[in-house]
Amino acid sequence: MEYRTLGATGMRVSPLALGTMMLGAWGNTDRADCVRIVHRALDAGVNLVDTADVYAFGETEEIVGVALQGRRDEVILATKAHGPMSDDPNHRGNSRRWLLRACEDSLRRLRTDHVDLFQLHRPDPDTDLDETLGALTELVQSGKVRAVGTSTFQAEEIVEALWVAERRGHVALRCEQPPYNVFVRGPETAVLPTCARHGMGVITYSPLNGGWLTGRYRRGQEIEQTTRTEHMPKMYDPAQPAVARKLDLVESLLQLAGEAGMSLTHMALAFITSNPQVTAAIIGPRTMAHLDDQLRALDLRLDAHLLDRIDELVPPGTTIDPVDAGYRTPGEVAHWNERMVRRDGISFGSAR
């Protein structure tokens, strides 16, 4: 397997990372099966495992902790903090008070004395970056964290954090985790080049765009009702212009993948890992069958001709549905609210 260096950390990781959000109450509730899924991924050569405290409110980290007993040294273990972990208003965010506590809680659930990558799950406009980076520096200096990173930060937020770290003597960000796939190519505009320019790794999430890039949702077929579609109905409503556009593109992409002799799932994963600015793509299987299928894309790379044809369908830098873009700052949300595009009386996308 081709292992890649995670930014300037010197740590080498597999091109596919195991995402764990579906392990536990939010997905697969069979804990023993979840442990087997982790072991299967490790046996296949996957050595980057990504989780977060907020996944199933700590249960997922507990499952990962059990799964890694006796195998911890094989794994580059990443977790995240920021999301609310209780009704207490201080049990969330990027304050020093919370990050130090959140890290301790994660270490306990993961049954380890350190994590290799500790990430800010979202930006926190209410907390001074100096405060946040100071806490991350303390965690690194204490040996509880090896490297620090972010998730869904915009390019300007990454640069500001790097600037503050340099000026104040804090640890530098080593990795960013943006949403990125064939339907969400916005990071190509600024985030990916910014990370490359500053020697940061990039591990991307949502490679299959919530199932869209598996061919699960097709034009003329009723959208299967799942927990995901019930929770985010507009993202799967054919009456929404962005969804209608996805339905059209899925048909074209299925044809393209078939001509290339691969499944749409495999082409979508290989699209990400073929980008030299991406270190690893996070897969998030709920079942062993999902994992086994996605692992088949480990060694796939798309040639220039196939990448050009994908570009013709979804141009570089394009995000089909703005809702898929991940976190947006309060200012961006307000701006989007003011400029909601109307087509035939239907809102294109939504602000959240």
Protein backbone atom coordinates (compact mmCIF):
# COMPACT_ATOMS: atom_id res chain seq x y z
CA MET A 1 0.00 0.00 0.00
CA GLU A 2 1.11 3.55 -0.71
CA TYR A 3 1.35 5.39 2.61
CA ARG A 4 1.44 9.17 2.55
CA THR A 5 3.01 11.67 4.93
CA LEU A 6 0.47 13.64 6.95
CA GLY A 7 1.60 17.19 6.32
CA ALA A 8 4.89 17.94 8.03
CA THR A 9 4.28 15.55 10.93
CA GLY A 10 6.38 12.71 9.53
CA MET A 11 3.51 10.33 10.31
CA ARG A 12 2.61 8.13 7.35
CA VAL A 13 -1.01 7.19 6.77
CA SER A 14 -3.05 5.06 4.39
CA PRO A 15 -4.90 6.80 1.52
CA LEU A 16 -8.20 5.63 2.99
CA ALA A 17 -8.92 6.40 6.63
CA LEU A 18 -11.53 4.66 8.76
CA GLY A 19 -14.18 7.12 9.86
CA THR A 20 -16.21 5.90 12.82
CA MET A 21 -19.31 8.09 13.00
CA MET A 22 -21.54 5.14 12.03
CA LEU A 23 -20.17 2.93 14.81
CA GLY A 24 -22.58 3.11 17.73
CA ALA A 25 -25.99 4.65 18.30
CA TRP A 26 -25.86 6.83 15.17
CA GLY A 27 -25.45 3.81 12.90
CA ASN A 28 -24.44 0.24 13.78
CA THR A 29 -25.67 -0.52 17.29
CA ASP A 30 -23.99 -3.94 17.43
CA ARG A 31 -20.82 -3.13 19.36
CA ALA A 32 -19.15 -6.45 18.67
CA ASP A 33 -19.72 -6.00 14.94
CA CYS A 34 -18.31 -2.47 15.16
CA VAL A 35 -15.13 -3.83 16.73
CA ARG A 36 -14.86 -6.38 13.93
CA ILE A 37 -15.20 -3.59 11.36
CA VAL A 38 -12.28 -1.72 12.94
CA HIS A 39 -10.16 -4.88 12.99
CA ARG A 40 -11.01 -5.66 9.35
CA ALA A 41 -9.87 -2.18 8.30
CA LEU A 42 -6.60 -2.52 10.21
CA ASP A 43 -5.98 -5.97 8.74
CA ALA A 44 -6.40 -4.45 5.26
CA GLY A 45 -3.64 -1.93 5.95
CA VAL A 46 -5.72 1.09 6.98
CA ASN A 47 -3.76 2.78 9.75
CA LEU A 48 -5.59 6.11 10.20
CA VAL A 49 -8.69 5.96 12.41
CA ASP A 50 -10.74 9.13 12.79
CA THR A 51 -13.39 9.70 15.44
CA ALA A 52 -14.88 12.52 17.54
CA ASP A 53 -16.21 12.99 21.04
CA VAL A 54 -19.63 14.05 19.79
CA TYR A 55 -20.23 10.86 17.75
CA ALA A 56 -23.05 9.13 19.64
CA PHE A 57 -22.02 11.44 22.52
CA GLY A 58 -18.93 9.45 23.46
CA GLU A 59 -20.12 5.95 22.66
CA THR A 60 -18.17 5.77 19.40
CA GLU A 61 -14.91 6.67 21.11
CA GLU A 62 -15.60 3.93 23.65
CA ILE A 63 -16.07 1.40 20.84
CA VAL A 64 -12.85 2.53 19.16
CA GLY A 65 -11.05 2.27 22.48
CA VAL A 66 -12.13 -1.34 22.88
CA ALA A 67 -11.26 -2.18 19.27
CA LEU A 68 -7.73 -0.79 19.58
CA GLN A 69 -6.76 -2.73 22.68
CA GLY A 70 -3.55 -4.55 21.82
CA ARG A 71 -3.32 -2.74 18.46
CA ARG A 72 -2.92 0.89 19.51
CA ASP A 73 0.64 1.17 18.21
CA GLU A 74 -0.50 0.19 14.70
CA VAL A 75 -2.78 3.21 14.44
CA ILE A 76 -2.56 6.92 13.81
CA LEU A 77 -5.51 7.85 16.02
CA ALA A 78 -7.39 11.09 15.43
CA THR A 79 -10.26 12.60 17.36
CA LYS A 80 -12.06 15.93 17.47
CA ALA A 81 -13.62 18.31 19.99
CA HIS A 82 -16.01 21.25 19.73
CA GLY A 83 -19.55 19.87 19.58
CA PRO A 84 -21.92 20.03 22.57
CA MET A 85 -21.49 17.12 24.96
CA SER A 86 -24.23 18.11 27.42
CA ASP A 87 -26.72 20.88 28.11
CA ASP A 88 -24.02 22.78 29.97
CA PRO A 89 -23.10 25.80 27.78
CA ASN A 90 -19.42 25.33 28.67
CA HIS A 91 -19.27 21.70 27.55
CA ARG A 92 -18.64 22.69 23.93
CA GLY A 93 -16.68 25.09 21.77
CA ASN A 94 -12.98 25.87 21.49
CA SER A 95 -12.26 27.50 24.85
CA ARG A 96 -9.19 26.48 26.82
CA ARG A 97 -11.50 25.35 29.61
CA TRP A 98 -13.38 22.94 27.38
CA LEU A 99 -10.60 21.66 25.11
CA LEU A 100 -8.45 20.54 28.04
CA ARG A 101 -11.43 18.76 29.58
CA ALA A 102 -12.61 17.31 26.25
CA CYS A 103 -9.19 15.84 25.53
CA GLU A 104 -9.04 14.15 28.93
CA ASP A 105 -12.52 12.71 28.39
CA SER A 106 -11.57 11.41 24.94
CA LEU A 107 -8.39 9.78 26.22
CA ARG A 108 -10.38 7.99 28.90
CA ARG A 109 -12.99 6.71 26.44
CA LEU A 110 -10.31 5.71 23.90
CA ARG A 111 -8.31 3.89 26.59
CA THR A 112 -5.05 5.55 25.61
CA ASP A 113 -2.64 8.09 27.03
CA HIS A 114 -2.37 10.12 23.82
CA VAL A 115 -3.97 10.81 20.45
CA ASP A 116 -1.88 11.35 17.36
CA LEU A 117 -4.10 14.08 15.91
CA PHE A 118 -6.45 16.30 17.93
CA GLN A 119 -8.73 18.42 15.74
CA LEU A 120 -11.01 21.40 16.24
CA HIS A 121 -14.26 20.02 14.85
CA ARG A 122 -15.53 23.47 13.83
CA PRO A 123 -14.39 27.09 14.13
CA ASP A 124 -15.58 28.98 17.20
CA PRO A 125 -16.13 32.69 16.51
CA ASP A 126 -16.74 33.31 20.24
CA THR A 127 -13.24 32.24 21.31
CA ASP A 128 -9.99 34.09 20.66
CA LEU A 129 -7.61 32.00 18.56
CA ASP A 130 -4.82 32.72 21.01
CA GLU A 131 -6.89 31.05 23.73
CA THR A 132 -7.63 28.02 21.57
CA LEU A 133 -4.12 27.57 20.22
CA GLY A 134 -2.68 28.05 23.70
CA ALA A 135 -4.76 25.10 24.93
CA LEU A 136 -3.68 22.94 21.99
CA THR A 137 -0.04 23.84 22.68
CA GLU A 138 -0.44 22.78 26.30
CA LEU A 139 -1.87 19.43 25.20
CA VAL A 140 1.06 18.83 22.84
CA GLN A 141 3.63 19.84 25.45
CA SER A 142 2.03 17.52 28.00
CA GLY A 143 2.37 14.57 25.60
CA LYS A 144 -1.36 13.94 25.39
CA VAL A 145 -1.49 15.06 21.75
CA ARG A 146 1.08 14.59 19.02
CA ALA A 147 -0.27 17.01 16.39
CA VAL A 148 -3.23 19.36 16.00
CA GLY A 149 -5.58 20.18 13.15
CA THR A 150 -8.93 21.60 12.14
CA SER A 151 -12.10 20.57 10.36
CA THR A 152 -14.21 22.69 7.97
CA PHE A 153 -12.05 25.79 8.46
CA GLN A 154 -12.04 28.20 5.54
CA ALA A 155 -8.72 29.12 3.93
CA GLU A 156 -8.61 32.52 5.61
CA GLU A 157 -9.30 30.92 9.01
CA ILE A 158 -6.44 28.47 8.49
CA VAL A 159 -4.05 31.27 7.55
CA GLU A 160 -5.11 33.37 10.54
CA ALA A 161 -4.55 30.44 12.89
CA LEU A 162 -1.10 29.82 11.41
CA TRP A 163 -0.27 33.52 11.76
CA VAL A 164 -1.40 33.62 15.42
CA ALA A 165 0.56 30.44 16.17
CA GLU A 166 3.75 31.91 14.70
CA ARG A 167 3.37 35.28 16.42
CA ARG A 168 2.45 33.83 19.83
CA GLY A 169 4.73 30.79 19.85
CA HIS A 170 1.96 28.18 19.70
CA VAL A 171 1.93 24.85 17.90
CA ALA A 172 1.08 25.08 14.21
CA LEU A 173 -1.86 23.39 12.56
CA ARG A 174 -0.75 20.24 10.75
CA CYS A 175 -3.95 19.08 9.09
CA GLU A 176 -7.36 20.22 7.80
CA GLN A 177 -10.42 18.00 7.38
CA PRO A 178 -12.87 19.44 4.83
CA PRO A 179 -15.86 17.86 3.09
CA TYR A 180 -14.70 16.92 -0.40
CA ASN A 181 -16.10 14.75 -3.17
CA VAL A 182 -17.20 14.91 -6.82
CA PHE A 183 -20.26 16.98 -5.82
CA VAL A 184 -18.41 19.16 -3.27
CA ARG A 185 -15.35 20.59 -5.01
CA GLY A 186 -15.35 23.98 -3.30
CA PRO A 187 -12.19 23.17 -1.28
CA GLU A 188 -10.22 23.05 -4.55
CA THR A 189 -10.56 26.82 -4.84
CA ALA A 190 -8.66 27.88 -1.73
CA VAL A 191 -8.57 25.32 1.11
CA LEU A 192 -6.54 22.62 -0.66
CA PRO A 193 -4.01 25.07 -2.16
CA THR A 194 -3.64 26.82 1.20
CA CYS A 195 -2.90 23.54 2.95
CA ALA A 196 -0.39 22.59 0.27
CA ARG A 197 1.30 25.98 0.50
CA HIS A 198 1.73 25.68 4.27
CA GLY A 199 2.71 22.02 4.41
CA MET A 200 -0.53 20.81 5.99
CA GLY A 201 -2.08 17.42 5.46
CA VAL A 202 -5.65 17.06 4.21
CA ILE A 203 -7.94 14.23 5.28
CA THR A 204 -11.34 14.64 3.67
CA TYR A 205 -14.76 13.50 4.82
CA SER A 206 -18.05 12.66 3.08
CA PRO A 207 -16.38 11.04 0.03
CA LEU A 208 -19.70 9.59 -1.14
CA ASN A 209 -21.78 12.70 -0.44
CA GLY A 210 -24.21 10.98 1.90
CA GLY A 211 -24.82 8.06 -0.45
CA TRP A 212 -25.33 10.11 -3.61
CA LEU A 213 -22.09 8.87 -5.16
CA THR A 214 -22.96 5.20 -4.73
CA GLY A 215 -25.86 5.28 -7.17
CA ARG A 216 -28.28 4.64 -4.33
CA TYR A 217 -30.50 7.56 -5.38
CA ARG A 218 -31.64 7.50 -9.00
CA ARG A 219 -33.94 9.54 -11.20
CA GLY A 220 -37.40 8.01 -11.51
CA GLN A 221 -36.96 5.93 -8.36
CA GLU A 222 -38.51 6.71 -5.00
CA ILE A 223 -35.95 8.02 -2.52
CA GLU A 224 -35.42 5.34 0.10
CA GLN A 225 -36.33 6.61 3.55
CA THR A 226 -33.45 6.37 5.99
CA THR A 227 -32.42 8.13 9.17
CA ARG A 228 -30.31 10.44 7.02
CA THR A 229 -33.13 11.38 4.62
CA GLU A 230 -35.54 11.91 7.51
CA HIS A 231 -33.07 14.15 9.33
CA MET A 232 -32.13 16.18 6.23
CA PRO A 233 -35.15 15.90 3.89
CA LYS A 234 -34.25 18.88 1.66
CA MET A 235 -30.97 17.24 0.72
CA TYR A 236 -32.93 14.40 -0.90
CA ASP A 237 -36.05 16.22 -2.13
CA PRO A 238 -36.23 15.96 -5.96
CA ALA A 239 -38.21 19.22 -5.99
CA GLN A 240 -35.06 21.05 -4.91
CA PRO A 241 -33.07 22.23 -7.96
CA ALA A 242 -29.77 21.11 -6.44
CA VAL A 243 -31.17 17.62 -5.81
CA ALA A 244 -32.58 17.48 -9.34
CA ARG A 245 -29.13 18.38 -10.64
CA LYS A 246 -27.56 15.58 -8.58
CA LEU A 247 -30.05 13.08 -9.99
CA ASP A 248 -29.00 14.04 -13.52
CA LEU A 249 -25.31 13.89 -12.68
CA VAL A 250 -25.60 10.48 -11.02
CA GLU A 251 -26.84 9.00 -14.29
CA SER A 252 -23.93 10.53 -16.20
CA LEU A 253 -21.39 9.44 -13.59
CA LEU A 254 -22.75 5.89 -13.51
CA GLN A 255 -22.26 5.68 -17.25
CA LEU A 256 -18.75 7.10 -16.96
CA ALA A 257 -17.81 4.64 -14.21
CA GLY A 258 -19.21 1.74 -16.21
CA GLU A 259 -17.15 2.71 -19.24
CA ALA A 260 -14.08 2.80 -16.98
CA GLY A 261 -14.86 -0.69 -15.65
CA MET A 262 -15.53 0.29 -12.06
CA SER A 263 -18.43 1.07 -9.74
CA LEU A 264 -19.48 4.64 -9.03
CA THR A 265 -18.48 4.15 -5.40
CA HIS A 266 -14.96 3.16 -6.37
CA MET A 267 -14.64 5.96 -8.91
CA ALA A 268 -15.82 8.51 -6.34
CA LEU A 269 -13.26 7.33 -3.78
CA ALA A 270 -10.45 7.17 -6.32
CA PHE A 271 -11.33 10.68 -7.50
CA ILE A 272 -10.32 11.95 -4.06
CA THR A 273 -7.22 9.83 -3.52
CA SER A 274 -6.01 10.71 -7.04
CA ASN A 275 -5.71 14.35 -5.99
CA PRO A 276 -2.08 14.96 -4.91
CA GLN A 277 -3.24 17.66 -2.49
CA VAL A 278 -5.26 15.10 -0.49
CA THR A 279 -3.53 12.91 2.07
CA ALA A 280 -6.41 10.54 2.81
CA ALA A 281 -10.14 10.14 2.27
CA ILE A 282 -12.24 9.13 5.26
CA ILE A 283 -14.68 6.29 4.62
CA GLY A 284 -17.51 5.81 7.11
CA PRO A 285 -18.90 2.27 6.77
CA ARG A 286 -21.89 1.19 8.84
CA THR A 287 -21.60 -2.50 7.96
CA MET A 288 -18.87 -4.96 7.10
CA ALA A 289 -20.23 -5.18 3.56
CA HIS A 290 -19.86 -1.40 3.16
CA LEU A 291 -16.28 -1.60 4.41
CA ASP A 292 -15.28 -4.52 2.19
CA ASP A 293 -16.67 -2.77 -0.88
CA GLN A 294 -14.96 0.54 -0.13
CA LEU A 295 -11.62 -1.10 0.65
CA ARG A 296 -11.49 -2.29 -2.97
CA ALA A 297 -10.76 1.32 -3.94
CA LEU A 298 -7.53 1.41 -1.90
CA ASP A 299 -5.19 1.00 -4.85
CA LEU A 300 -7.29 2.65 -7.56
CA ARG A 301 -6.06 5.81 -9.30
CA LEU A 302 -7.94 7.63 -12.04
CA ASP A 303 -6.07 8.57 -15.20
CA ALA A 304 -6.03 12.09 -16.61
CA HIS A 305 -8.63 11.31 -19.28
CA LEU A 306 -11.19 10.07 -16.74
CA LEU A 307 -10.51 13.03 -14.45
CA ASP A 308 -11.05 15.39 -17.38
CA ARG A 309 -14.41 13.79 -18.12
CA ILE A 310 -15.46 14.21 -14.48
CA ASP A 311 -14.40 17.87 -14.73
CA GLU A 312 -16.71 18.28 -17.73
CA LEU A 313 -19.66 17.13 -15.61
CA VAL A 314 -18.73 18.95 -12.38
CA PRO A 315 -16.17 21.71 -13.02
CA PRO A 316 -13.33 22.16 -10.51
CA GLY A 317 -14.28 24.34 -7.55
CA THR A 318 -18.01 23.64 -7.96
CA THR A 319 -20.29 22.62 -5.10
CA ILE A 320 -23.63 21.38 -6.40
CA ASP A 321 -25.60 21.98 -3.19
CA PRO A 322 -24.34 24.69 -0.77
CA VAL A 323 -25.78 22.69 2.14
CA ASP A 324 -23.05 20.08 1.56
CA ALA A 325 -20.25 22.61 2.07
CA GLY A 326 -19.94 21.98 5.80
CA TYR A 327 -19.70 24.75 8.36
CA ARG A 328 -20.34 28.32 7.25
CA THR A 329 -19.61 31.36 9.36
CA PRO A 330 -22.57 33.36 10.74
CA GLY A 331 -21.74 36.09 8.22
CA GLU A 332 -21.88 33.63 5.33
CA VAL A 333 -25.22 32.28 6.52
CA ALA A 334 -26.66 35.81 6.74
CA HIS A 335 -25.31 36.58 3.28
CA TRP A 336 -26.84 33.39 1.90
CA ASN A 337 -30.21 34.21 3.52
CA GLU A 338 -30.24 37.55 1.73
CA ARG A 339 -29.33 36.05 -1.63
CA MET A 340 -31.37 32.85 -1.76
CA VAL A 341 -31.68 32.03 -5.42
CA ARG A 342 -35.27 31.38 -6.53
CA ARG A 343 -36.08 29.06 -9.42
CA ASP A 344 -39.75 28.41 -10.15
CA GLY A 345 -40.57 29.57 -6.65
CA ILE A 346 -38.29 26.98 -5.01
CA SER A 347 -35.29 27.84 -2.83
CA PHE A 348 -32.00 26.64 -4.25
CA GLY A 349 -30.24 25.09 -1.28
CA SER A 350 -30.84 26.24 2.26
CA ALA A 351 -29.05 28.17 4.97
CA ARG A 352 -28.19 26.46 8.19
